[in-house]
PDB file of all heavy atoms in Angstrom:
ATOM      1  N   SER A   1     -94.791  72.211 130.487  1.00  0.00           N
ATOM      2  CA  SER A   1     -95.695  71.774 131.509  1.00  0.00           C
ATOM      3  C   SER A   1     -95.044  72.056 132.911  1.00  0.00           C
ATOM      4  O   SER A   1     -93.882  71.716 133.196  1.00  0.00           O
ATOM      5  CB  SER A   1     -95.886  70.249 131.366  1.00  0.00           C
ATOM      6  OG  SER A   1     -96.873  69.781 132.152  1.00  0.00           O
ATOM      7  N   PHE A   2     -95.906  72.673 133.757  1.00  0.00           N
ATOM      8  CA  PHE A   2     -95.436  73.129 135.054  1.00  0.00           C
ATOM      9  C   PHE A   2     -95.856  72.159 136.143  1.00  0.00           C
ATOM     10  O   PHE A   2     -96.940  71.726 136.231  1.00  0.00           O
ATOM     11  CB  PHE A   2     -95.985  74.506 135.353  1.00  0.00           C
ATOM     12  CG  PHE A   2     -95.251  75.589 134.684  1.00  0.00           C
ATOM     13  CD1 PHE A   2     -95.484  75.851 133.362  1.00  0.00           C
ATOM     14  CD2 PHE A   2     -94.303  76.371 135.435  1.00  0.00           C
ATOM     15  CE1 PHE A   2     -94.774  76.930 132.680  1.00  0.00           C
ATOM     16  CE2 PHE A   2     -93.657  77.363 134.699  1.00  0.00           C
ATOM     17  CZ  PHE A   2     -93.911  77.644 133.358  1.00  0.00           C
ATOM     18  N   HIS A   3     -94.825  71.778 137.002  1.00  0.00           N
ATOM     19  CA  HIS A   3     -95.011  70.808 138.081  1.00  0.00           C
ATOM     20  C   HIS A   3     -94.273  71.245 139.298  1.00  0.00           C
ATOM     21  O   HIS A   3     -93.521  70.453 139.970  1.00  0.00           O
ATOM     22  CB  HIS A   3     -94.652  69.407 137.611  1.00  0.00           C
ATOM     23  CG  HIS A   3     -95.404  68.963 136.407  1.00  0.00           C
ATOM     24  ND1 HIS A   3     -96.704  68.554 136.505  1.00  0.00           N
ATOM     25  CD2 HIS A   3     -95.042  68.895 135.100  1.00  0.00           C
ATOM     26  CE1 HIS A   3     -97.159  68.249 135.311  1.00  0.00           C
ATOM     27  NE2 HIS A   3     -96.134  68.485 134.453  1.00  0.00           N
ATOM     28  N   VAL A   4     -94.477  72.536 139.730  1.00  0.00           N
ATOM     29  CA  VAL A   4     -93.688  73.043 140.881  1.00  0.00           C
ATOM     30  C   VAL A   4     -94.619  73.207 141.981  1.00  0.00           C
ATOM     31  O   VAL A   4     -95.854  73.383 141.886  1.00  0.00           O
ATOM     32  CB  VAL A   4     -93.064  74.417 140.512  1.00  0.00           C
ATOM     33  CG1 VAL A   4     -92.062  74.211 139.428  1.00  0.00           C
ATOM     34  CG2 VAL A   4     -94.126  75.488 140.094  1.00  0.00           C
ATOM     35  N   PRO A   5     -94.074  73.199 143.300  1.00  0.00           N
ATOM     36  CA  PRO A   5     -94.908  73.537 144.423  1.00  0.00           C
ATOM     37  C   PRO A   5     -95.180  75.049 144.489  1.00  0.00           C
ATOM     38  O   PRO A   5     -94.450  75.810 143.867  1.00  0.00           O
ATOM     39  CB  PRO A   5     -94.061  73.148 145.614  1.00  0.00           C
ATOM     40  CG  PRO A   5     -92.605  73.229 145.142  1.00  0.00           C
ATOM     41  CD  PRO A   5     -92.707  72.862 143.666  1.00  0.00           C
ATOM     42  N   LEU A   6     -96.121  75.477 145.206  1.00  0.00           N
ATOM     43  CA  LEU A   6     -96.408  76.937 145.383  1.00  0.00           C
ATOM     44  C   LEU A   6     -95.474  77.417 146.606  1.00  0.00           C
ATOM     45  O   LEU A   6     -95.734  77.033 147.740  1.00  0.00           O
ATOM     46  CB  LEU A   6     -97.834  77.267 145.639  1.00  0.00           C
ATOM     47  CG  LEU A   6     -98.189  78.720 145.861  1.00  0.00           C
ATOM     48  CD1 LEU A   6     -97.844  79.534 144.656  1.00  0.00           C
ATOM     49  CD2 LEU A   6     -99.688  78.884 146.247  1.00  0.00           C
ATOM     50  N   THR A   7     -94.611  78.338 146.260  1.00  0.00           N
ATOM     51  CA  THR A   7     -93.828  78.915 147.308  1.00  0.00           C
ATOM     52  C   THR A   7     -93.687  80.461 147.104  1.00  0.00           C
ATOM     53  O   THR A   7     -93.710  80.873 146.014  1.00  0.00           O
ATOM     54  CB  THR A   7     -92.300  78.394 147.266  1.00  0.00           C
ATOM     55  OG1 THR A   7     -91.728  78.561 145.988  1.00  0.00           O
ATOM     56  CG2 THR A   7     -92.403  76.884 147.625  1.00  0.00           C
ATOM     57  N   GLN A   8     -93.615  81.184 148.179  1.00  0.00           N
ATOM     58  CA  GLN A   8     -93.479  82.688 148.093  1.00  0.00           C
ATOM     59  C   GLN A   8     -92.204  83.078 148.745  1.00  0.00           C
ATOM     60  O   GLN A   8     -91.861  84.325 148.565  1.00  0.00           O
ATOM     61  CB  GLN A   8     -94.691  83.281 148.813  1.00  0.00           C
ATOM     62  CG  GLN A   8     -96.000  82.932 148.192  1.00  0.00           C
ATOM     63  CD  GLN A   8     -97.133  83.721 148.663  1.00  0.00           C
ATOM     64  OE1 GLN A   8     -97.100  85.025 148.662  1.00  0.00           O
ATOM     65  NE2 GLN A   8     -98.237  83.125 149.107  1.00  0.00           N
ATOM     66  N   ARG A   9     -91.500  82.214 149.403  1.00  0.00           N
ATOM     67  CA  ARG A   9     -90.293  82.669 150.107  1.00  0.00           C
ATOM     68  C   ARG A   9     -89.070  81.819 149.546  1.00  0.00           C
ATOM     69  O   ARG A   9     -89.336  80.882 148.776  1.00  0.00           O
ATOM     70  CB  ARG A   9     -90.352  82.503 151.602  1.00  0.00           C
ATOM     71  CG  ARG A   9     -91.431  83.416 152.240  1.00  0.00           C
ATOM     72  CD  ARG A   9     -91.584  83.103 153.761  1.00  0.00           C
ATOM     73  NE  ARG A   9     -92.227  81.872 153.930  1.00  0.00           N
ATOM     74  CZ  ARG A   9     -92.474  81.367 155.169  1.00  0.00           C
ATOM     75  NH1 ARG A   9     -92.180  82.048 156.216  1.00  0.00           N
ATOM     76  NH2 ARG A   9     -93.145  80.155 155.308  1.00  0.00           N
ATOM     77  N   GLY A  10     -87.912  82.120 150.028  1.00  0.00           N
ATOM     78  CA  GLY A  10     -86.739  81.419 149.543  1.00  0.00           C
ATOM     79  C   GLY A  10     -86.221  81.894 148.292  1.00  0.00           C
ATOM     80  O   GLY A  10     -86.725  82.860 147.643  1.00  0.00           O
ATOM     81  N   PRO A  11     -85.125  81.239 147.787  1.00  0.00           N
ATOM     82  CA  PRO A  11     -84.457  81.755 146.574  1.00  0.00           C
ATOM     83  C   PRO A  11     -85.193  81.471 145.288  1.00  0.00           C
ATOM     84  O   PRO A  11     -84.889  82.047 144.321  1.00  0.00           O
ATOM     85  CB  PRO A  11     -83.111  80.879 146.566  1.00  0.00           C
ATOM     86  CG  PRO A  11     -83.464  79.677 147.427  1.00  0.00           C
ATOM     87  CD  PRO A  11     -84.440  80.138 148.454  1.00  0.00           C
ATOM     88  N   TRP A  12     -86.198  80.556 145.323  1.00  0.00           N
ATOM     89  CA  TRP A  12     -86.895  80.214 144.031  1.00  0.00           C
ATOM     90  C   TRP A  12     -88.384  80.328 144.305  1.00  0.00           C
ATOM     91  O   TRP A  12     -89.156  79.258 144.138  1.00  0.00           O
ATOM     92  CB  TRP A  12     -86.529  78.825 143.546  1.00  0.00           C
ATOM     93  CG  TRP A  12     -85.068  78.753 143.383  1.00  0.00           C
ATOM     94  CD1 TRP A  12     -84.269  79.320 142.374  1.00  0.00           C
ATOM     95  CD2 TRP A  12     -84.133  77.962 144.167  1.00  0.00           C
ATOM     96  NE1 TRP A  12     -82.962  78.911 142.513  1.00  0.00           N
ATOM     97  CE2 TRP A  12     -82.879  78.071 143.621  1.00  0.00           C
ATOM     98  CE3 TRP A  12     -84.275  77.183 145.303  1.00  0.00           C
ATOM     99  CZ2 TRP A  12     -81.722  77.502 144.147  1.00  0.00           C
ATOM    100  CZ3 TRP A  12     -83.176  76.537 145.861  1.00  0.00           C
ATOM    101  CH2 TRP A  12     -81.909  76.700 145.269  1.00  0.00           C
ATOM    102  N   PRO A  13     -88.995  81.438 144.490  1.00  0.00           N
ATOM    103  CA  PRO A  13     -90.396  81.563 144.684  1.00  0.00           C
ATOM    104  C   PRO A  13     -91.166  81.245 143.412  1.00  0.00           C
ATOM    105  O   PRO A  13     -90.631  81.536 142.331  1.00  0.00           O
ATOM    106  CB  PRO A  13     -90.657  83.020 145.141  1.00  0.00           C
ATOM    107  CG  PRO A  13     -89.512  83.770 144.572  1.00  0.00           C
ATOM    108  CD  PRO A  13     -88.309  82.748 144.568  1.00  0.00           C
ATOM    109  N   THR A  14     -92.289  80.565 143.495  1.00  0.00           N
ATOM    110  CA  THR A  14     -93.039  80.169 142.288  1.00  0.00           C
ATOM    111  C   THR A  14     -94.354  80.886 142.125  1.00  0.00           C
ATOM    112  O   THR A  14     -95.000  80.691 141.048  1.00  0.00           O
ATOM    113  CB  THR A  14     -93.359  78.659 142.371  1.00  0.00           C
ATOM    114  OG1 THR A  14     -94.091  78.323 143.498  1.00  0.00           O
ATOM    115  CG2 THR A  14     -92.002  77.846 142.392  1.00  0.00           C
ATOM    116  N   ARG A  15     -94.762  81.707 143.013  1.00  0.00           N
ATOM    117  CA  ARG A  15     -96.015  82.442 142.816  1.00  0.00           C
ATOM    118  C   ARG A  15     -95.779  83.395 141.630  1.00  0.00           C
ATOM    119  O   ARG A  15     -94.755  84.183 141.589  1.00  0.00           O
ATOM    120  CB  ARG A  15     -96.392  83.254 144.086  1.00  0.00           C
ATOM    121  CG  ARG A  15     -97.686  83.988 143.953  1.00  0.00           C
ATOM    122  CD  ARG A  15     -98.139  84.640 145.317  1.00  0.00           C
ATOM    123  NE  ARG A  15     -99.463  85.195 145.193  1.00  0.00           N
ATOM    124  CZ  ARG A  15     -99.721  86.471 144.744  1.00  0.00           C
ATOM    125  NH1 ARG A  15     -98.644  87.253 144.406  1.00  0.00           N
ATOM    126  NH2 ARG A  15    -100.992  86.900 144.690  1.00  0.00           N
ATOM    127  N   HIS A  16     -96.727  83.341 140.669  1.00  0.00           N
ATOM    128  CA  HIS A  16     -96.619  84.204 139.406  1.00  0.00           C
ATOM    129  C   HIS A  16     -95.292  83.834 138.737  1.00  0.00           C
ATOM    130  O   HIS A  16     -94.791  84.695 138.008  1.00  0.00           O
ATOM    131  CB  HIS A  16     -96.750  85.675 139.818  1.00  0.00           C
ATOM    132  CG  HIS A  16     -98.096  86.044 140.218  1.00  0.00           C
ATOM    133  ND1 HIS A  16     -98.322  87.362 140.681  1.00  0.00           N
ATOM    134  CD2 HIS A  16     -99.231  85.327 140.504  1.00  0.00           C
ATOM    135  CE1 HIS A  16     -99.620  87.347 141.062  1.00  0.00           C
ATOM    136  NE2 HIS A  16    -100.100  86.129 141.052  1.00  0.00           N
ATOM    137  N   LEU A  17     -94.892  82.645 138.751  1.00  0.00           N
ATOM    138  CA  LEU A  17     -93.660  82.148 138.011  1.00  0.00           C
ATOM    139  C   LEU A  17     -93.897  82.402 136.536  1.00  0.00           C
ATOM    140  O   LEU A  17     -93.001  82.696 135.726  1.00  0.00           O
ATOM    141  CB  LEU A  17     -93.359  80.715 138.315  1.00  0.00           C
ATOM    142  CG  LEU A  17     -92.174  80.120 137.698  1.00  0.00           C
ATOM    143  CD1 LEU A  17     -90.841  80.827 138.147  1.00  0.00           C
ATOM    144  CD2 LEU A  17     -92.069  78.626 137.992  1.00  0.00           C
ATOM    145  N   ILE A  18     -95.135  82.126 136.044  1.00  0.00           N
ATOM    146  CA  ILE A  18     -95.512  82.325 134.685  1.00  0.00           C
ATOM    147  C   ILE A  18     -95.919  83.736 134.635  1.00  0.00           C
ATOM    148  O   ILE A  18     -96.996  84.136 134.954  1.00  0.00           O
ATOM    149  CB  ILE A  18     -96.670  81.410 134.182  1.00  0.00           C
ATOM    150  CG1 ILE A  18     -96.296  79.938 134.477  1.00  0.00           C
ATOM    151  CG2 ILE A  18     -96.852  81.656 132.738  1.00  0.00           C
ATOM    152  CD1 ILE A  18     -97.480  78.998 134.206  1.00  0.00           C
ATOM    153  N   ASP A  19     -94.992  84.626 134.172  1.00  0.00           N
ATOM    154  CA  ASP A  19     -95.281  86.073 134.170  1.00  0.00           C
ATOM    155  C   ASP A  19     -95.538  86.530 132.792  1.00  0.00           C
ATOM    156  O   ASP A  19     -95.569  85.793 131.787  1.00  0.00           O
ATOM    157  CB  ASP A  19     -94.141  86.863 134.914  1.00  0.00           C
ATOM    158  CG  ASP A  19     -92.769  86.700 134.195  1.00  0.00           C
ATOM    159  OD1 ASP A  19     -92.817  86.127 133.052  1.00  0.00           O
ATOM    160  OD2 ASP A  19     -91.786  87.022 134.833  1.00  0.00           O
ATOM    161  N   ALA A  20     -95.752  87.889 132.633  1.00  0.00           N
ATOM    162  CA  ALA A  20     -96.131  88.412 131.321  1.00  0.00           C
ATOM    163  C   ALA A  20     -95.046  88.250 130.314  1.00  0.00           C
ATOM    164  O   ALA A  20     -95.301  87.984 129.151  1.00  0.00           O
ATOM    165  CB  ALA A  20     -96.473  89.953 131.517  1.00  0.00           C
ATOM    166  N   SER A  21     -93.748  88.396 130.724  1.00  0.00           N
ATOM    167  CA  SER A  21     -92.652  88.314 129.796  1.00  0.00           C
ATOM    168  C   SER A  21     -92.555  86.844 129.265  1.00  0.00           C
ATOM    169  O   SER A  21     -92.252  86.597 128.091  1.00  0.00           O
ATOM    170  CB  SER A  21     -91.394  88.784 130.404  1.00  0.00           C
ATOM    171  OG  SER A  21     -91.029  87.862 131.484  1.00  0.00           O
ATOM    172  N   PHE A  22     -92.817  85.869 130.141  1.00  0.00           N
ATOM    173  CA  PHE A  22     -92.729  84.445 129.720  1.00  0.00           C
ATOM    174  C   PHE A  22     -93.854  84.169 128.730  1.00  0.00           C
ATOM    175  O   PHE A  22     -93.630  83.541 127.701  1.00  0.00           O
ATOM    176  CB  PHE A  22     -92.818  83.521 130.877  1.00  0.00           C
ATOM    177  CG  PHE A  22     -92.570  82.085 130.535  1.00  0.00           C
ATOM    178  CD1 PHE A  22     -91.312  81.606 130.212  1.00  0.00           C
ATOM    179  CD2 PHE A  22     -93.646  81.163 130.442  1.00  0.00           C
ATOM    180  CE1 PHE A  22     -91.119  80.322 129.861  1.00  0.00           C
ATOM    181  CE2 PHE A  22     -93.460  79.889 130.110  1.00  0.00           C
ATOM    182  CZ  PHE A  22     -92.159  79.425 129.808  1.00  0.00           C
ATOM    183  N   LEU A  23     -95.041  84.606 129.008  1.00  0.00           N
ATOM    184  CA  LEU A  23     -96.121  84.424 128.046  1.00  0.00           C
ATOM    185  C   LEU A  23     -95.932  85.078 126.689  1.00  0.00           C
ATOM    186  O   LEU A  23     -96.238  84.534 125.627  1.00  0.00           O
ATOM    187  CB  LEU A  23     -97.535  85.014 128.668  1.00  0.00           C
ATOM    188  CG  LEU A  23     -98.192  84.130 129.678  1.00  0.00           C
ATOM    189  CD1 LEU A  23     -99.571  84.794 130.070  1.00  0.00           C
ATOM    190  CD2 LEU A  23     -98.506  82.754 129.137  1.00  0.00           C
ATOM    191  N   LYS A  24     -95.263  86.256 126.767  1.00  0.00           N
ATOM    192  CA  LYS A  24     -95.001  87.016 125.499  1.00  0.00           C
ATOM    193  C   LYS A  24     -94.008  86.245 124.642  1.00  0.00           C
ATOM    194  O   LYS A  24     -93.971  86.410 123.423  1.00  0.00           O
ATOM    195  CB  LYS A  24     -94.530  88.392 125.798  1.00  0.00           C
ATOM    196  CG  LYS A  24     -95.674  89.345 126.307  1.00  0.00           C
ATOM    197  CD  LYS A  24     -95.057  90.701 126.581  1.00  0.00           C
ATOM    198  CE  LYS A  24     -96.227  91.651 127.114  1.00  0.00           C
ATOM    199  NZ  LYS A  24     -95.671  92.930 127.538  1.00  0.00           N
ATOM    200  N   SER A  25     -93.159  85.396 125.297  1.00  0.00           N
ATOM    201  CA  SER A  25     -92.129  84.716 124.610  1.00  0.00           C
ATOM    202  C   SER A  25     -92.760  83.452 123.862  1.00  0.00           C
ATOM    203  O   SER A  25     -91.953  82.825 123.068  1.00  0.00           O
ATOM    204  CB  SER A  25     -91.029  84.222 125.517  1.00  0.00           C
ATOM    205  OG  SER A  25     -91.506  83.168 126.430  1.00  0.00           O
ATOM    206  N   LEU A  26     -93.973  83.148 124.142  1.00  0.00           N
ATOM    207  CA  LEU A  26     -94.567  81.968 123.462  1.00  0.00           C
ATOM    208  C   LEU A  26     -95.511  82.312 122.355  1.00  0.00           C
ATOM    209  O   LEU A  26     -95.972  83.429 122.301  1.00  0.00           O
ATOM    210  CB  LEU A  26     -95.374  81.153 124.512  1.00  0.00           C
ATOM    211  CG  LEU A  26     -94.540  80.781 125.773  1.00  0.00           C
ATOM    212  CD1 LEU A  26     -95.422  80.090 126.814  1.00  0.00           C
ATOM    213  CD2 LEU A  26     -93.312  79.918 125.450  1.00  0.00           C
ATOM    214  N   SER A  27     -95.747  81.423 121.472  1.00  0.00           N
ATOM    215  CA  SER A  27     -96.552  81.672 120.316  1.00  0.00           C
ATOM    216  C   SER A  27     -97.753  80.669 120.129  1.00  0.00           C
ATOM    217  O   SER A  27     -97.829  79.735 120.947  1.00  0.00           O
ATOM    218  CB  SER A  27     -95.688  81.569 119.062  1.00  0.00           C
ATOM    219  OG  SER A  27     -95.338  80.181 118.775  1.00  0.00           O
ATOM    220  N   ALA A  28     -98.517  80.840 119.109  1.00  0.00           N
ATOM    221  CA  ALA A  28     -99.638  79.992 118.841  1.00  0.00           C
ATOM    222  C   ALA A  28     -99.273  78.617 118.414  1.00  0.00           C
ATOM    223  O   ALA A  28    -100.155  77.737 118.323  1.00  0.00           O
ATOM    224  CB  ALA A  28    -100.540  80.647 117.834  1.00  0.00           C
ATOM    225  N   ASN A  29     -97.985  78.459 118.169  1.00  0.00           N
ATOM    226  CA  ASN A  29     -97.511  77.076 117.768  1.00  0.00           C
ATOM    227  C   ASN A  29     -97.041  76.262 118.984  1.00  0.00           C
ATOM    228  O   ASN A  29     -96.562  75.151 118.853  1.00  0.00           O
ATOM    229  CB  ASN A  29     -96.322  77.209 116.851  1.00  0.00           C
ATOM    230  CG  ASN A  29     -96.660  77.918 115.528  1.00  0.00           C
ATOM    231  OD1 ASN A  29     -97.740  77.576 114.987  1.00  0.00           O
ATOM    232  ND2 ASN A  29     -95.807  78.794 115.034  1.00  0.00           N
ATOM    233  N   GLN A  30     -97.273  76.755 120.174  1.00  0.00           N
ATOM    234  CA  GLN A  30     -96.874  76.111 121.440  1.00  0.00           C
ATOM    235  C   GLN A  30     -98.004  75.820 122.317  1.00  0.00           C
ATOM    236  O   GLN A  30     -99.084  76.434 122.188  1.00  0.00           O
ATOM    237  CB  GLN A  30     -95.784  76.955 122.118  1.00  0.00           C
ATOM    238  CG  GLN A  30     -94.517  77.095 121.307  1.00  0.00           C
ATOM    239  CD  GLN A  30     -93.548  78.166 121.906  1.00  0.00           C
ATOM    240  OE1 GLN A  30     -93.794  79.328 121.761  1.00  0.00           O
ATOM    241  NE2 GLN A  30     -92.487  77.635 122.590  1.00  0.00           N
ATOM    242  N   LEU A  31     -97.683  74.897 123.287  1.00  0.00           N
ATOM    243  CA  LEU A  31     -98.698  74.521 124.313  1.00  0.00           C
ATOM    244  C   LEU A  31     -98.242  74.699 125.695  1.00  0.00           C
ATOM    245  O   LEU A  31     -97.053  74.293 125.953  1.00  0.00           O
ATOM    246  CB  LEU A  31     -99.134  73.048 124.068  1.00  0.00           C
ATOM    247  CG  LEU A  31    -100.126  72.475 125.026  1.00  0.00           C
ATOM    248  CD1 LEU A  31    -101.537  73.134 124.887  1.00  0.00           C
ATOM    249  CD2 LEU A  31    -100.165  70.891 124.910  1.00  0.00           C
ATOM    250  N   LEU A  32     -99.008  75.401 126.489  1.00  0.00           N
ATOM    251  CA  LEU A  32     -98.564  75.668 127.960  1.00  0.00           C
ATOM    252  C   LEU A  32     -99.528  74.992 128.898  1.00  0.00           C
ATOM    253  O   LEU A  32    -100.768  75.228 128.737  1.00  0.00           O
ATOM    254  CB  LEU A  32     -98.485  77.171 128.212  1.00  0.00           C
ATOM    255  CG  LEU A  32     -98.251  77.656 129.642  1.00  0.00           C
ATOM    256  CD1 LEU A  32     -96.804  77.235 130.072  1.00  0.00           C
ATOM    257  CD2 LEU A  32     -98.366  79.174 129.721  1.00  0.00           C
ATOM    258  N   ILE A  33     -99.059  74.183 129.763  1.00  0.00           N
ATOM    259  CA  ILE A  33     -99.950  73.377 130.673  1.00  0.00           C
ATOM    260  C   ILE A  33     -99.620  73.732 132.129  1.00  0.00           C
ATOM    261  O   ILE A  33     -98.469  73.664 132.540  1.00  0.00           O
ATOM    262  CB  ILE A  33     -99.755  71.834 130.429  1.00  0.00           C
ATOM    263  CG1 ILE A  33    -100.036  71.529 128.994  1.00  0.00           C
ATOM    264  CG2 ILE A  33    -100.783  71.095 131.286  1.00  0.00           C
ATOM    265  CD1 ILE A  33     -99.582  70.094 128.591  1.00  0.00           C
ATOM    266  N   ASN A  34    -100.678  74.033 132.867  1.00  0.00           N
ATOM    267  CA  ASN A  34    -100.396  74.182 134.391  1.00  0.00           C
ATOM    268  C   ASN A  34    -101.377  73.248 135.082  1.00  0.00           C
ATOM    269  O   ASN A  34    -102.616  73.499 135.169  1.00  0.00           O
ATOM    270  CB  ASN A  34    -100.693  75.622 134.759  1.00  0.00           C
ATOM    271  CG  ASN A  34    -100.314  75.886 136.331  1.00  0.00           C
ATOM    272  OD1 ASN A  34     -99.699  75.062 136.926  1.00  0.00           O
ATOM    273  ND2 ASN A  34    -100.831  76.870 136.803  1.00  0.00           N
ATOM    274  N   THR A  35    -100.796  72.240 135.756  1.00  0.00           N
ATOM    275  CA  THR A  35    -101.583  71.328 136.630  1.00  0.00           C
ATOM    276  C   THR A  35    -100.990  71.393 138.025  1.00  0.00           C
ATOM    277  O   THR A  35    -101.261  70.589 138.846  1.00  0.00           O
ATOM    278  CB  THR A  35    -101.424  69.898 136.128  1.00  0.00           C
ATOM    279  OG1 THR A  35    -100.071  69.494 136.040  1.00  0.00           O
ATOM    280  CG2 THR A  35    -102.144  69.744 134.804  1.00  0.00           C
TER     281      THR A  35
END
């Protein structure tokens, strides 16, 4: 479950934090939530 602010600058940008490689690492047995 994701609960981060939206940032594009600084050492920890969160825009597109959930990228293709992260999605590929997950399976149909898991749940991904973005609020």
